[in-house]
Protein backbone atom coordinates (compact mmCIF):
# COMPACT_ATOMS: atom_id res chain seq x y z
CA MET A 1 -18.35 -12.92 -6.15
CA VAL A 2 -16.11 -10.19 -4.71
CA ASP A 3 -15.12 -7.28 -6.93
CA VAL A 4 -11.42 -6.85 -6.09
CA SER A 5 -11.19 -3.67 -8.14
CA LYS A 6 -12.98 -1.92 -5.27
CA LEU A 7 -10.69 -3.32 -2.57
CA VAL A 8 -8.83 -0.56 -0.77
CA LEU A 9 -6.46 -1.01 2.17
CA THR A 10 -5.01 1.64 4.44
CA HIS A 11 -1.30 2.15 4.95
CA GLY A 12 -1.34 0.22 8.24
CA GLU A 13 -3.37 -2.65 6.84
CA LEU A 14 -0.97 -3.07 3.94
CA CYS A 15 2.04 -3.00 6.27
CA ASP A 16 0.49 -5.72 8.43
CA LEU A 17 -0.49 -7.86 5.44
CA ALA A 18 2.89 -7.59 3.69
CA GLY A 19 5.01 -7.68 6.85
CA VAL A 20 6.70 -4.42 5.90
CA HIS A 21 7.81 -1.66 8.27
CA PRO A 22 5.70 1.49 7.78
CA ASN A 23 8.81 3.58 7.09
CA SER A 24 9.71 1.29 4.19
CA LEU A 25 6.26 1.67 2.65
CA ASP A 26 6.46 5.45 3.13
CA ARG A 27 9.83 5.56 1.40
CA TRP A 28 8.59 3.43 -1.53
CA ALA A 29 5.59 5.75 -1.98
CA THR A 30 7.74 8.88 -1.70
CA ILE A 31 10.23 7.78 -4.36
CA GLY A 32 7.48 6.52 -6.66
CA LEU A 33 7.94 2.75 -6.47
CA ILE A 34 4.30 2.38 -5.49
CA GLY A 35 1.38 4.72 -5.92
CA ALA A 36 -1.32 5.40 -3.40
CA ALA A 37 -4.93 5.26 -4.55
CA GLY A 38 -5.77 8.20 -2.31
CA GLY A 39 -4.89 10.17 0.78
CA GLY A 40 -1.42 11.05 1.94
CA GLY A 41 0.39 14.18 0.98
CA ARG A 42 -0.17 16.03 4.23
CA LYS A 43 -0.58 15.42 7.92
CA GLY A 44 -3.73 13.60 8.97
CA ARG A 45 -4.48 12.01 5.59
CA VAL A 46 -4.19 8.23 5.53
CA ARG A 47 -2.80 6.73 2.33
CA THR A 48 -4.93 4.05 0.76
CA TYR A 49 -3.83 1.44 -1.76
CA ASP A 50 -5.81 -0.34 -4.47
CA PHE A 51 -5.81 -4.08 -5.15
CA MET A 52 -3.05 -4.08 -7.78
CA THR A 53 -0.69 -2.11 -5.54
CA VAL A 54 -1.47 -4.40 -2.60
CA LEU A 55 -0.81 -7.44 -4.77
CA ALA A 56 2.48 -6.00 -6.06
CA VAL A 57 3.74 -5.14 -2.56
CA VAL A 58 2.76 -8.49 -1.04
CA VAL A 59 4.24 -10.56 -3.88
CA GLY A 60 7.34 -8.37 -4.04
CA THR A 61 8.06 -8.70 -0.34
CA ARG A 62 7.50 -12.45 -0.39
CA TYR A 63 10.04 -12.97 -3.17
CA ARG A 64 12.75 -10.52 -2.20
């Protein structure tokens, strides 16, 4: 069985999965709508997102 609590996606992977433009995801993270599990904050650091954030973004974009 897969342990989804350890699932982590990068910013680009989440954008592709949810069908969201990267600028939209950046804006949501900047204003605090979603929280990154790690990374970000400065140039060269890739934001990563945990399973619950991925689920929230995907479901939210599907039902908007």
